[in-house]
Amino acid sequence: MASSRFESSVTAVSWIPSEAIEGLSKVPFELGVTHYDQPPPDHLDDLEELRRTDRFREANELRAFIEVEDGRIVGYGHLGQGHIGATTVRLGPAAIRFPAVHLADIRPDPLVDETSVRFVQTVGGRMGIPTPRPVRHKPFVQFWPSIAWTTLALTLNANGSSSHELIGASPFPRHWIYDDTGNLVQKSGVIDFNTWFKDSFGQRTPWGEADSPAIVAAVETALERRLSGTIMAKGADSKVRTLSAGETLVEQGAQGTEIFLVLDGMFVVEVDGNGVAEIGPGAVVGERAALEGGVRTATLRASTRARVAQVSGTELDLEDLGSLASTHRSEDAMAR
């Protein structure tokens, strides 16, 4: 009798990037009372080390196995768990680390058929210190921390293959998704701090009555990641713009040589009125106009609320822009 055991995993790491918060809510971050997070690594090697060094707020490690005999699934089970981070609060020279509250991991019964098992796991928590929020009734201020979470699905097949999905997530913070080999493969596309702060507590969470659907973006290239670091390092030299859903960032045929880094939100790339691609956080766009006479070759339209950092095309290396343009031409051709 032939028997096999197959294991696989998918992991979501949730963290607060520097561009994630706007308005008065930025004040404690800018004053150094609390902190943003460094971006997690491109490859996930040691999740526990990231937790110990305060590199994420929570992590959803969905790991599972199936046992197969003669092509039939005869056993299965969960192997992963949730991991919770902490919030570091600085008061003068002192730093106090408040461990977050880890809510119970939610694991509905796996869905099993003859050839596959689908596992689902929700992991989340809330800050270890209360957060004041305005409410419309007495006492008009409520001290109850908002909850951040992710809901992952992992399907294991009797032939040893597997697939994963981010099926729900809190609107804040950013969620990065890693596959079974530890490679970064997806990102949540939109951060909405205000909605999260006002609504993501009590019954409006998976521990109450509701989850939130997740908008997922593909991972940017290594070149885009390097260029994004250059753009963000320019600080005051870069201009941050906010666009509403449906608003156009650039129009095909228009003049312009600015380069844009997508900080948050999703855009549809349109050529001759047809959508040819969708881009999200981390994408760097606009380079072809900077290289090809200052005429936009595509329309970029926000499909969600979005934020971009804008710099002059002359601020970036021409060789890098040429390499980026070549990549985008290939992507456009494949999309058509």
C-alpha atoms as a PDB file:
ATOM      1  CA  MET A   1       0.000   0.000   0.000  1.00  0.00           C
ATOM      2  CA  ALA A   2       1.596   3.319  -1.143  1.00  0.00           C
ATOM      3  CA  SER A   3       1.397   6.073   1.463  1.00  0.00           C
ATOM      4  CA  SER A   4       2.690   9.644   1.534  1.00  0.00           C
ATOM      5  CA  ARG A   5       2.574  12.653   3.829  1.00  0.00           C
ATOM      6  CA  PHE A   6       2.523  16.161   2.344  1.00  0.00           C
ATOM      7  CA  GLU A   7       3.017  19.425   4.245  1.00  0.00           C
ATOM      8  CA  SER A   8       2.745  23.027   3.094  1.00  0.00           C
ATOM      9  CA  SER A   9       2.273  26.499   4.539  1.00  0.00           C
ATOM     10  CA  VAL A  10       1.388  30.117   3.894  1.00  0.00           C
ATOM     11  CA  THR A  11       2.301  32.962   6.267  1.00  0.00           C
ATOM     12  CA  ALA A  12       0.972  36.508   6.597  1.00  0.00           C
ATOM     13  CA  VAL A  13       3.115  39.114   8.351  1.00  0.00           C
ATOM     14  CA  SER A  14       1.354  42.332   9.427  1.00  0.00           C
ATOM     15  CA  TRP A  15       3.377  45.525   9.956  1.00  0.00           C
ATOM     16  CA  ILE A  16       3.034  49.330   9.981  1.00  0.00           C
ATOM     17  CA  PRO A  17       4.880  51.117   7.148  1.00  0.00           C
ATOM     18  CA  SER A  18       5.851  54.763   7.518  1.00  0.00           C
ATOM     19  CA  GLU A  19       3.334  55.940   4.897  1.00  0.00           C
ATOM     20  CA  ALA A  20       0.384  54.094   6.465  1.00  0.00           C
ATOM     21  CA  ILE A  21      -0.954  56.794   8.796  1.00  0.00           C
ATOM     22  CA  GLU A  22      -2.114  60.320   8.022  1.00  0.00           C
ATOM     23  CA  GLY A  23      -3.271  63.352  10.000  1.00  0.00           C
ATOM     24  CA  LEU A  24      -3.171  63.689  13.776  1.00  0.00           C
ATOM     25  CA  SER A  25      -2.743  59.960  14.244  1.00  0.00           C
ATOM     26  CA  LYS A  26       0.843  60.377  12.975  1.00  0.00           C
ATOM     27  CA  VAL A  27       1.810  62.562  15.959  1.00  0.00           C
ATOM     28  CA  PRO A  28       2.903  59.828  18.412  1.00  0.00           C
ATOM     29  CA  PHE A  29       4.874  58.164  15.601  1.00  0.00           C
ATOM     30  CA  GLU A  30       6.588  61.383  14.528  1.00  0.00           C
ATOM     31  CA  LEU A  31       7.428  62.285  18.136  1.00  0.00           C
ATOM     32  CA  GLY A  32       8.998  58.877  18.662  1.00  0.00           C
ATOM     33  CA  VAL A  33       6.517  57.855  21.356  1.00  0.00           C
ATOM     34  CA  THR A  34       5.730  54.756  19.336  1.00  0.00           C
ATOM     35  CA  HIS A  35       7.202  53.447  16.090  1.00  0.00           C
ATOM     36  CA  TYR A  36       6.623  52.383  12.537  1.00  0.00           C
ATOM     37  CA  ASP A  37       8.045  49.025  11.493  1.00  0.00           C
ATOM     38  CA  GLN A  38      10.929  48.229   9.212  1.00  0.00           C
ATOM     39  CA  PRO A  39       9.749  46.343   6.122  1.00  0.00           C
ATOM     40  CA  PRO A  40       9.893  42.579   6.696  1.00  0.00           C
ATOM     41  CA  PRO A  41      12.501  40.698   4.646  1.00  0.00           C
ATOM     42  CA  ASP A  42      11.879  39.560   1.077  1.00  0.00           C
ATOM     43  CA  HIS A  43      12.484  35.993   2.237  1.00  0.00           C
ATOM     44  CA  LEU A  44      11.074  34.653   5.492  1.00  0.00           C
ATOM     45  CA  ASP A  45      13.749  32.623   7.297  1.00  0.00           C
ATOM     46  CA  ASP A  46      13.109  32.980  11.039  1.00  0.00           C
ATOM     47  CA  LEU A  47       9.657  34.133  12.114  1.00  0.00           C
ATOM     48  CA  GLU A  48      10.494  33.914  15.813  1.00  0.00           C
ATOM     49  CA  GLU A  49      13.528  36.177  15.359  1.00  0.00           C
ATOM     50  CA  LEU A  50      11.326  38.777  13.684  1.00  0.00           C
ATOM     51  CA  ARG A  51       8.943  38.602  16.633  1.00  0.00           C
ATOM     52  CA  ARG A  52      11.728  38.948  19.203  1.00  0.00           C
ATOM     53  CA  THR A  53      13.134  42.004  17.431  1.00  0.00           C
ATOM     54  CA  ASP A  54       9.745  43.750  17.221  1.00  0.00           C
ATOM     55  CA  ARG A  55       9.538  43.567  13.407  1.00  0.00           C
ATOM     56  CA  PHE A  56       5.816  42.810  13.079  1.00  0.00           C
ATOM     57  CA  ARG A  57       2.498  43.291  14.886  1.00  0.00           C
ATOM     58  CA  GLU A  58       1.162  39.794  14.246  1.00  0.00           C
ATOM     59  CA  ALA A  59       1.872  36.864  11.977  1.00  0.00           C
ATOM     60  CA  ASN A  60      -0.505  34.180  10.727  1.00  0.00           C
ATOM     61  CA  GLU A  61       1.416  30.949  10.144  1.00  0.00           C
ATOM     62  CA  LEU A  62      -1.003  28.523   8.510  1.00  0.00           C
ATOM     63  CA  ARG A  63       0.804  25.212   8.216  1.00  0.00           C
ATOM     64  CA  ALA A  64      -0.916  21.883   7.590  1.00  0.00           C
ATOM     65  CA  PHE A  65      -0.461  18.293   6.399  1.00  0.00           C
ATOM     66  CA  ILE A  66      -2.346  15.531   4.660  1.00  0.00           C
ATOM     67  CA  GLU A  67      -1.697  11.776   4.593  1.00  0.00           C
ATOM     68  CA  VAL A  68      -2.424   9.932   1.356  1.00  0.00           C
ATOM     69  CA  GLU A  69      -2.755   6.209   0.701  1.00  0.00           C
ATOM     70  CA  ASP A  70      -3.246   4.883  -2.839  1.00  0.00           C
ATOM     71  CA  GLY A  71      -4.301   8.341  -3.983  1.00  0.00           C
ATOM     72  CA  ARG A  72      -6.893   8.796  -1.214  1.00  0.00           C
ATOM     73  CA  ILE A  73      -6.631  11.267   1.665  1.00  0.00           C
ATOM     74  CA  VAL A  74      -6.755   9.325   4.928  1.00  0.00           C
ATOM     75  CA  GLY A  75      -5.521  11.910   7.425  1.00  0.00           C
ATOM     76  CA  TYR A  76      -4.968  15.650   7.814  1.00  0.00           C
ATOM     77  CA  GLY A  77      -4.321  18.338  10.416  1.00  0.00           C
ATOM     78  CA  HIS A  78      -3.082  21.809  11.355  1.00  0.00           C
ATOM     79  CA  LEU A  79       0.563  22.403  12.326  1.00  0.00           C
ATOM     80  CA  GLY A  80       0.828  26.216  12.451  1.00  0.00           C
ATOM     81  CA  GLN A  81      -0.263  28.948  14.821  1.00  0.00           C
ATOM     82  CA  GLY A  82      -0.581  32.674  15.324  1.00  0.00           C
ATOM     83  CA  HIS A  83       2.284  34.858  16.550  1.00  0.00           C
ATOM     84  CA  ILE A  84       1.818  38.221  18.238  1.00  0.00           C
ATOM     85  CA  GLY A  85       4.194  41.178  18.414  1.00  0.00           C
ATOM     86  CA  ALA A  86       4.379  44.161  20.748  1.00  0.00           C
ATOM     87  CA  THR A  87       4.111  47.953  20.866  1.00  0.00           C
ATOM     88  CA  THR A  88       7.134  49.871  22.133  1.00  0.00           C
ATOM     89  CA  VAL A  89       6.245  53.165  23.841  1.00  0.00           C
ATOM     90  CA  ARG A  90       9.020  55.679  24.542  1.00  0.00           C
ATOM     91  CA  LEU A  91       8.741  58.190  27.375  1.00  0.00           C
ATOM     92  CA  GLY A  92      11.890  60.312  27.352  1.00  0.00           C
ATOM     93  CA  PRO A  93      14.905  58.023  27.623  1.00  0.00           C
ATOM     94  CA  ALA A  94      12.794  55.079  28.779  1.00  0.00           C
ATOM     95  CA  ALA A  95      11.227  52.497  26.470  1.00  0.00           C
ATOM     96  CA  ILE A  96       8.397  50.264  27.622  1.00  0.00           C
ATOM     97  CA  ARG A  97       7.368  47.244  25.555  1.00  0.00           C
ATOM     98  CA  PHE A  98       3.667  46.360  25.744  1.00  0.00           C
ATOM     99  CA  PRO A  99       2.944  42.853  24.427  1.00  0.00           C
ATOM    100  CA  ALA A 100      -0.164  42.820  22.264  1.00  0.00           C
ATOM    101  CA  VAL A 101      -3.203  40.764  23.232  1.00  0.00           C
ATOM    102  CA  HIS A 102      -3.290  37.569  21.160  1.00  0.00           C
ATOM    103  CA  LEU A 103      -6.877  36.618  20.425  1.00  0.00           C
ATOM    104  CA  ALA A 104      -7.745  32.943  20.037  1.00  0.00           C
ATOM    105  CA  ASP A 105      -6.807  31.578  16.623  1.00  0.00           C
ATOM    106  CA  ILE A 106      -9.936  30.733  14.615  1.00  0.00           C
ATOM    107  CA  ARG A 107      -9.832  27.422  12.716  1.00  0.00           C
ATOM    108  CA  PRO A 108     -13.094  26.225  11.172  1.00  0.00           C
ATOM    109  CA  ASP A 109     -13.310  22.545  10.342  1.00  0.00           C
ATOM    110  CA  PRO A 110     -11.282  21.802   7.180  1.00  0.00           C
ATOM    111  CA  LEU A 111     -13.231  21.196   3.972  1.00  0.00           C
ATOM    112  CA  VAL A 112     -12.403  17.666   2.820  1.00  0.00           C
ATOM    113  CA  ASP A 113     -13.145  15.860  -0.421  1.00  0.00           C
ATOM    114  CA  GLU A 114     -11.588  12.879  -2.178  1.00  0.00           C
ATOM    115  CA  THR A 115      -8.612  14.777  -3.592  1.00  0.00           C
ATOM    116  CA  SER A 116      -7.996  17.850  -1.392  1.00  0.00           C
ATOM    117  CA  VAL A 117      -8.308  19.453   2.020  1.00  0.00           C
ATOM    118  CA  ARG A 118      -8.839  23.207   2.473  1.00  0.00           C
ATOM    119  CA  PHE A 119      -7.658  24.709   5.747  1.00  0.00           C
ATOM    120  CA  VAL A 120      -8.621  28.197   6.987  1.00  0.00           C
ATOM    121  CA  GLN A 121      -7.036  30.106   9.865  1.00  0.00           C
ATOM    122  CA  THR A 122      -7.661  33.581  11.294  1.00  0.00           C
ATOM    123  CA  VAL A 123      -5.020  35.156  13.518  1.00  0.00           C
ATOM    124  CA  GLY A 124      -5.092  38.573  15.160  1.00  0.00           C
ATOM    125  CA  GLY A 125      -4.775  40.699  18.237  1.00  0.00           C
ATOM    126  CA  ARG A 126      -4.979  44.193  19.668  1.00  0.00           C
ATOM    127  CA  MET A 127      -2.558  46.601  21.272  1.00  0.00           C
ATOM    128  CA  GLY A 128      -1.712  46.003  24.892  1.00  0.00           C
ATOM    129  CA  ILE A 129      -2.535  49.621  25.743  1.00  0.00           C
ATOM    130  CA  PRO A 130      -6.030  51.126  25.315  1.00  0.00           C
ATOM    131  CA  THR A 131      -6.657  53.551  22.468  1.00  0.00           C
ATOM    132  CA  PRO A 132      -9.162  56.400  22.941  1.00  0.00           C
ATOM    133  CA  ARG A 133     -11.725  56.783  20.151  1.00  0.00           C
ATOM    134  CA  PRO A 134     -14.678  59.177  19.721  1.00  0.00           C
ATOM    135  CA  VAL A 135     -18.182  57.683  19.733  1.00  0.00           C
ATOM    136  CA  ARG A 136     -21.552  59.312  19.077  1.00  0.00           C
ATOM    137  CA  HIS A 137     -23.114  58.448  22.425  1.00  0.00           C
ATOM    138  CA  LYS A 138     -22.231  58.859  26.070  1.00  0.00           C
ATOM    139  CA  PRO A 139     -19.523  58.882  27.334  1.00  0.00           C
ATOM    140  CA  PHE A 140     -18.452  60.059  23.804  1.00  0.00           C
ATOM    141  CA  VAL A 141     -14.992  58.564  24.255  1.00  0.00           C
ATOM    142  CA  GLN A 142     -14.352  54.830  24.352  1.00  0.00           C
ATOM    143  CA  PHE A 143     -11.125  53.107  25.350  1.00  0.00           C
ATOM    144  CA  TRP A 144     -10.993  49.939  23.295  1.00  0.00           C
ATOM    145  CA  PRO A 145      -8.133  48.934  21.039  1.00  0.00           C
ATOM    146  CA  SER A 146      -8.845  48.148  17.416  1.00  0.00           C
ATOM    147  CA  ILE A 147      -8.069  44.613  16.248  1.00  0.00           C
ATOM    148  CA  ALA A 148      -5.779  43.660  13.365  1.00  0.00           C
ATOM    149  CA  TRP A 149      -6.014  40.246  11.697  1.00  0.00           C
ATOM    150  CA  THR A 150      -5.592  38.117   8.601  1.00  0.00           C
ATOM    151  CA  THR A 151      -7.596  35.123   7.389  1.00  0.00           C
ATOM    152  CA  LEU A 152      -5.650  32.667   5.227  1.00  0.00           C
ATOM    153  CA  ALA A 153      -6.701  29.587   3.281  1.00  0.00           C
ATOM    154  CA  LEU A 154      -4.411  26.723   2.290  1.00  0.00           C
ATOM    155  CA  THR A 155      -5.491  23.854   0.021  1.00  0.00           C
ATOM    156  CA  LEU A 156      -3.430  20.638  -0.022  1.00  0.00           C
ATOM    157  CA  ASN A 157      -4.035  18.204  -2.870  1.00  0.00           C
ATOM    158  CA  ALA A 158      -3.572  14.439  -2.901  1.00  0.00           C
ATOM    159  CA  ASN A 159      -0.914  14.764  -5.631  1.00  0.00           C
ATOM    160  CA  GLY A 160       1.286  16.868  -3.320  1.00  0.00           C
ATOM    161  CA  SER A 161       0.524  20.279  -4.817  1.00  0.00           C
ATOM    162  CA  SER A 162      -0.921  23.166  -2.815  1.00  0.00           C
ATOM    163  CA  SER A 163      -2.383  26.649  -3.231  1.00  0.00           C
ATOM    164  CA  HIS A 164      -3.103  29.521  -0.868  1.00  0.00           C
ATOM    165  CA  GLU A 165      -5.296  32.606  -0.579  1.00  0.00           C
ATOM    166  CA  LEU A 166      -5.653  35.715   1.575  1.00  0.00           C
ATOM    167  CA  ILE A 167      -9.421  35.639   2.014  1.00  0.00           C
ATOM    168  CA  GLY A 168      -9.821  38.356   4.651  1.00  0.00           C
ATOM    169  CA  ALA A 169      -7.841  40.985   6.533  1.00  0.00           C
ATOM    170  CA  SER A 170      -8.241  44.051   8.698  1.00  0.00           C
ATOM    171  CA  PRO A 171      -8.053  47.348   6.761  1.00  0.00           C
ATOM    172  CA  PHE A 172      -4.875  48.196   8.700  1.00  0.00           C
ATOM    173  CA  PRO A 173      -1.909  47.628   8.787  1.00  0.00           C
ATOM    174  CA  ARG A 174      -0.063  46.234   5.720  1.00  0.00           C
ATOM    175  CA  HIS A 175      -0.114  42.446   5.289  1.00  0.00           C
ATOM    176  CA  TRP A 176       2.635  40.595   3.391  1.00  0.00           C
ATOM    177  CA  ILE A 177       2.094  36.993   2.238  1.00  0.00           C
ATOM    178  CA  TYR A 178       4.867  34.374   2.046  1.00  0.00           C
ATOM    179  CA  ASP A 179       4.618  30.989   0.348  1.00  0.00           C
ATOM    180  CA  ASP A 180       5.805  27.586   1.589  1.00  0.00           C
ATOM    181  CA  THR A 181       9.406  28.323   0.539  1.00  0.00           C
ATOM    182  CA  GLY A 182       9.457  31.624   2.449  1.00  0.00           C
ATOM    183  CA  ASN A 183       9.278  33.831  -0.646  1.00  0.00           C
ATOM    184  CA  LEU A 184       7.263  37.046  -0.527  1.00  0.00           C
ATOM    185  CA  VAL A 185       4.514  36.514  -3.113  1.00  0.00           C
ATOM    186  CA  GLN A 186       1.653  38.958  -2.388  1.00  0.00           C
ATOM    187  CA  LYS A 187       0.747  42.105  -0.469  1.00  0.00           C
ATOM    188  CA  SER A 188      -2.496  43.604   0.749  1.00  0.00           C
ATOM    189  CA  GLY A 189      -3.213  46.406  -1.698  1.00  0.00           C
ATOM    190  CA  VAL A 190      -4.957  49.007   0.462  1.00  0.00           C
ATOM    191  CA  ILE A 191      -4.430  50.410   3.956  1.00  0.00           C
ATOM    192  CA  ASP A 192      -7.383  52.307   5.466  1.00  0.00           C
ATOM    193  CA  PHE A 193      -6.353  53.483   8.922  1.00  0.00           C
ATOM    194  CA  ASN A 194      -9.458  55.606   9.553  1.00  0.00           C
ATOM    195  CA  THR A 195     -11.901  52.776   8.808  1.00  0.00           C
ATOM    196  CA  TRP A 196      -9.843  50.387  10.916  1.00  0.00           C
ATOM    197  CA  PHE A 197      -9.587  52.802  13.855  1.00  0.00           C
ATOM    198  CA  LYS A 198     -13.300  53.590  13.866  1.00  0.00           C
ATOM    199  CA  ASP A 199     -14.804  50.203  13.051  1.00  0.00           C
ATOM    200  CA  SER A 200     -12.474  47.222  13.636  1.00  0.00           C
ATOM    201  CA  PHE A 201     -13.417  46.224  17.161  1.00  0.00           C
ATOM    202  CA  GLY A 202     -16.192  44.414  18.977  1.00  0.00           C
ATOM    203  CA  GLN A 203     -18.620  42.601  16.682  1.00  0.00           C
ATOM    204  CA  ARG A 204     -17.070  44.022  13.495  1.00  0.00           C
ATOM    205  CA  THR A 205     -14.246  41.477  13.494  1.00  0.00           C
ATOM    206  CA  PRO A 206     -13.941  37.702  12.889  1.00  0.00           C
ATOM    207  CA  TRP A 207     -14.263  37.218  16.672  1.00  0.00           C
ATOM    208  CA  GLY A 208     -17.659  38.882  16.414  1.00  0.00           C
ATOM    209  CA  GLU A 209     -19.726  38.653  13.265  1.00  0.00           C
ATOM    210  CA  ALA A 210     -17.675  39.959  10.323  1.00  0.00           C
ATOM    211  CA  ASP A 211     -14.458  39.639   8.352  1.00  0.00           C
ATOM    212  CA  SER A 212     -13.206  42.176   5.791  1.00  0.00           C
ATOM    213  CA  PRO A 213     -12.392  41.116   2.231  1.00  0.00           C
ATOM    214  CA  ALA A 214      -8.779  41.675   1.234  1.00  0.00           C
ATOM    215  CA  ILE A 215      -7.521  43.425  -1.911  1.00  0.00           C
ATOM    216  CA  VAL A 216      -4.326  41.668  -2.982  1.00  0.00           C
ATOM    217  CA  ALA A 217      -1.472  43.049  -5.078  1.00  0.00           C
ATOM    218  CA  ALA A 218       1.385  41.273  -6.796  1.00  0.00           C
ATOM    219  CA  VAL A 219       4.893  41.764  -5.407  1.00  0.00           C
ATOM    220  CA  GLU A 220       7.073  44.360  -7.096  1.00  0.00           C
ATOM    221  CA  THR A 221      10.367  43.441  -8.729  1.00  0.00           C
ATOM    222  CA  ALA A 222      13.747  43.683  -7.010  1.00  0.00           C
ATOM    223  CA  LEU A 223      14.559  46.692  -9.214  1.00  0.00           C
ATOM    224  CA  GLU A 224      11.357  48.468  -8.170  1.00  0.00           C
ATOM    225  CA  ARG A 225      12.168  47.740  -4.553  1.00  0.00           C
ATOM    226  CA  ARG A 226      15.586  49.336  -4.948  1.00  0.00           C
ATOM    227  CA  LEU A 227      14.153  52.338  -6.782  1.00  0.00           C
ATOM    228  CA  SER A 228      11.461  52.778  -4.132  1.00  0.00           C
ATOM    229  CA  GLY A 229      14.183  53.017  -1.491  1.00  0.00           C
ATOM    230  CA  THR A 230      15.867  55.768  -3.508  1.00  0.00           C
ATOM    231  CA  ILE A 231      12.590  57.659  -3.955  1.00  0.00           C
ATOM    232  CA  MET A 232      11.648  57.484  -0.269  1.00  0.00           C
ATOM    233  CA  ALA A 233      15.180  58.489   0.784  1.00  0.00           C
ATOM    234  CA  LYS A 234      14.727  61.795  -1.051  1.00  0.00           C
ATOM    235  CA  GLY A 235      12.215  62.895   1.580  1.00  0.00           C
ATOM    236  CA  ALA A 236      11.311  66.514   0.905  1.00  0.00           C
ATOM    237  CA  ASP A 237      12.321  66.142  -2.768  1.00  0.00           C
ATOM    238  CA  SER A 238       9.432  63.728  -3.355  1.00  0.00           C
ATOM    239  CA  LYS A 239       5.819  64.889  -3.482  1.00  0.00           C
ATOM    240  CA  VAL A 240       3.068  62.679  -2.050  1.00  0.00           C
ATOM    241  CA  ARG A 241      -0.295  62.749  -3.810  1.00  0.00           C
ATOM    242  CA  THR A 242      -3.606  61.203  -2.745  1.00  0.00           C
ATOM    243  CA  LEU A 243      -6.130  60.078  -5.352  1.00  0.00           C
ATOM    244  CA  SER A 244      -9.747  58.993  -5.029  1.00  0.00           C
ATOM    245  CA  ALA A 245     -11.075  55.827  -6.650  1.00  0.00           C
ATOM    246  CA  GLY A 246     -11.656  56.529 -10.354  1.00  0.00           C
ATOM    247  CA  GLU A 247      -9.229  59.454 -10.476  1.00  0.00           C
ATOM    248  CA  THR A 248      -6.557  59.484 -13.200  1.00  0.00           C
ATOM    249  CA  LEU A 249      -2.905  59.792 -12.246  1.00  0.00           C
ATOM    250  CA  VAL A 250      -1.617  60.199 -15.817  1.00  0.00           C
ATOM    251  CA  GLU A 251      -3.370  60.147 -19.197  1.00  0.00           C
ATOM    252  CA  GLN A 252      -2.080  58.380 -22.303  1.00  0.00           C
ATOM    253  CA  GLY A 253      -0.694  60.945 -24.783  1.00  0.00           C
ATOM    254  CA  ALA A 254      -0.239  63.663 -22.147  1.00  0.00           C
ATOM    255  CA  GLN A 255       3.094  65.338 -21.479  1.00  0.00           C
ATOM    256  CA  GLY A 256       5.068  64.465 -18.333  1.00  0.00           C
ATOM    257  CA  THR A 257       8.357  63.061 -17.092  1.00  0.00           C
ATOM    258  CA  GLU A 258       7.612  62.454 -13.407  1.00  0.00           C
ATOM    259  CA  ILE A 259       8.150  59.004 -11.908  1.00  0.00           C
ATOM    260  CA  PHE A 260       5.639  57.595  -9.417  1.00  0.00           C
ATOM    261  CA  LEU A 261       6.029  55.101  -6.570  1.00  0.00           C
ATOM    262  CA  VAL A 262       2.705  53.579  -5.473  1.00  0.00           C
ATOM    263  CA  LEU A 263       2.602  53.841  -1.682  1.00  0.00           C
ATOM    264  CA  ASP A 264      -0.896  52.467  -1.239  1.00  0.00           C
ATOM    265  CA  GLY A 265      -3.899  51.475  -3.311  1.00  0.00           C
ATOM    266  CA  MET A 266      -4.478  49.871  -6.698  1.00  0.00           C
ATOM    267  CA  PHE A 267      -4.261  51.247 -10.254  1.00  0.00           C
ATOM    268  CA  VAL A 268      -5.465  49.914 -13.600  1.00  0.00           C
ATOM    269  CA  VAL A 269      -3.036  50.433 -16.490  1.00  0.00           C
ATOM    270  CA  GLU A 270      -4.972  51.283 -19.663  1.00  0.00           C
ATOM    271  CA  VAL A 271      -3.592  51.392 -23.217  1.00  0.00           C
ATOM    272  CA  ASP A 272      -5.911  52.672 -25.969  1.00  0.00           C
ATOM    273  CA  GLY A 273      -8.806  52.377 -23.552  1.00  0.00           C
ATOM    274  CA  ASN A 274      -8.134  48.738 -22.638  1.00  0.00           C
ATOM    275  CA  GLY A 275      -6.974  47.562 -19.224  1.00  0.00           C
ATOM    276  CA  VAL A 276      -3.686  45.691 -19.661  1.00  0.00           C
ATOM    277  CA  ALA A 277      -2.430  45.379 -16.075  1.00  0.00           C
ATOM    278  CA  GLU A 278      -3.150  46.138 -12.440  1.00  0.00           C
ATOM    279  CA  ILE A 279      -0.496  47.500 -10.082  1.00  0.00           C
ATOM    280  CA  GLY A 280      -0.337  48.070  -6.343  1.00  0.00           C
ATOM    281  CA  PRO A 281       1.978  49.121  -3.513  1.00  0.00           C
ATOM    282  CA  GLY A 282       5.677  49.081  -4.379  1.00  0.00           C
ATOM    283  CA  ALA A 283       5.208  49.514  -8.135  1.00  0.00           C
ATOM    284  CA  VAL A 284       7.291  52.226  -9.835  1.00  0.00           C
ATOM    285  CA  VAL A 285       5.714  53.661 -13.002  1.00  0.00           C
ATOM    286  CA  GLY A 286       6.013  56.538 -15.453  1.00  0.00           C
ATOM    287  CA  GLU A 287       9.573  55.803 -16.566  1.00  0.00           C
ATOM    288  CA  ARG A 288       8.771  55.333 -20.258  1.00  0.00           C
ATOM    289  CA  ALA A 289       7.655  58.930 -20.714  1.00  0.00           C
ATOM    290  CA  ALA A 290      10.839  60.108 -18.980  1.00  0.00           C
ATOM    291  CA  LEU A 291      12.886  58.066 -21.466  1.00  0.00           C
ATOM    292  CA  GLU A 292      10.802  58.480 -24.640  1.00  0.00           C
ATOM    293  CA  GLY A 293      10.234  62.164 -25.219  1.00  0.00           C
ATOM    294  CA  GLY A 294       7.980  63.053 -22.319  1.00  0.00           C
ATOM    295  CA  VAL A 295       4.747  61.534 -23.701  1.00  0.00           C
ATOM    296  CA  ARG A 296       2.728  59.173 -21.534  1.00  0.00           C
ATOM    297  CA  THR A 297       2.302  55.748 -23.119  1.00  0.00           C
ATOM    298  CA  ALA A 298      -0.562  54.597 -20.863  1.00  0.00           C
ATOM    299  CA  THR A 299      -3.318  55.868 -18.600  1.00  0.00           C
ATOM    300  CA  LEU A 300      -3.072  55.064 -14.888  1.00  0.00           C
ATOM    301  CA  ARG A 301      -6.455  55.108 -13.156  1.00  0.00           C
ATOM    302  CA  ALA A 302      -6.951  54.516  -9.431  1.00  0.00           C
ATOM    303  CA  SER A 303      -9.350  51.631  -8.764  1.00  0.00           C
ATOM    304  CA  THR A 304      -9.243  52.366  -5.005  1.00  0.00           C
ATOM    305  CA  ARG A 305      -8.213  55.329  -2.920  1.00  0.00           C
ATOM    306  CA  ALA A 306      -4.471  55.552  -3.501  1.00  0.00           C
ATOM    307  CA  ARG A 307      -1.320  57.440  -2.537  1.00  0.00           C
ATOM    308  CA  VAL A 308       1.806  57.916  -4.637  1.00  0.00           C
ATOM    309  CA  ALA A 309       5.202  59.534  -4.181  1.00  0.00           C
ATOM    310  CA  GLN A 310       6.275  61.614  -7.182  1.00  0.00           C
ATOM    311  CA  VAL A 311       9.808  62.564  -8.216  1.00  0.00           C
ATOM    312  CA  SER A 312      11.379  64.036 -11.318  1.00  0.00           C
ATOM    313  CA  GLY A 313      12.661  61.522 -13.849  1.00  0.00           C
ATOM    314  CA  THR A 314      16.036  63.259 -13.718  1.00  0.00           C
ATOM    315  CA  GLU A 315      16.427  62.202 -10.074  1.00  0.00           C
ATOM    316  CA  LEU A 316      16.817  58.505 -10.927  1.00  0.00           C
ATOM    317  CA  ASP A 317      19.471  56.537 -12.771  1.00  0.00           C
ATOM    318  CA  LEU A 318      18.798  56.309 -16.529  1.00  0.00           C
ATOM    319  CA  GLU A 319      20.097  52.744 -16.750  1.00  0.00           C
ATOM    320  CA  ASP A 320      17.684  51.653 -14.011  1.00  0.00           C
ATOM    321  CA  LEU A 321      14.806  53.414 -15.767  1.00  0.00           C
ATOM    322  CA  GLY A 322      15.694  51.663 -19.026  1.00  0.00           C
ATOM    323  CA  SER A 323      15.666  48.275 -17.318  1.00  0.00           C
ATOM    324  CA  LEU A 324      12.318  49.071 -15.703  1.00  0.00           C
ATOM    325  CA  ALA A 325      10.845  50.152 -19.041  1.00  0.00           C
ATOM    326  CA  SER A 326      11.932  46.873 -20.637  1.00  0.00           C
ATOM    327  CA  THR A 327      10.189  44.930 -17.895  1.00  0.00           C
ATOM    328  CA  HIS A 328       6.972  46.895 -18.314  1.00  0.00           C
ATOM    329  CA  ARG A 329       6.987  46.427 -22.100  1.00  0.00           C
ATOM    330  CA  SER A 330       7.197  42.656 -21.582  1.00  0.00           C
ATOM    331  CA  GLU A 331       4.352  42.748 -19.054  1.00  0.00           C
ATOM    332  CA  ASP A 332       2.157  44.784 -21.420  1.00  0.00           C
ATOM    333  CA  ALA A 333       2.779  42.331 -24.258  1.00  0.00           C
ATOM    334  CA  MET A 334       1.862  39.366 -22.050  1.00  0.00           C
ATOM    335  CA  ALA A 335      -1.317  41.095 -20.866  1.00  0.00           C
ATOM    336  CA  ARG A 336      -2.463  41.558 -24.441  1.00  0.00           C
END
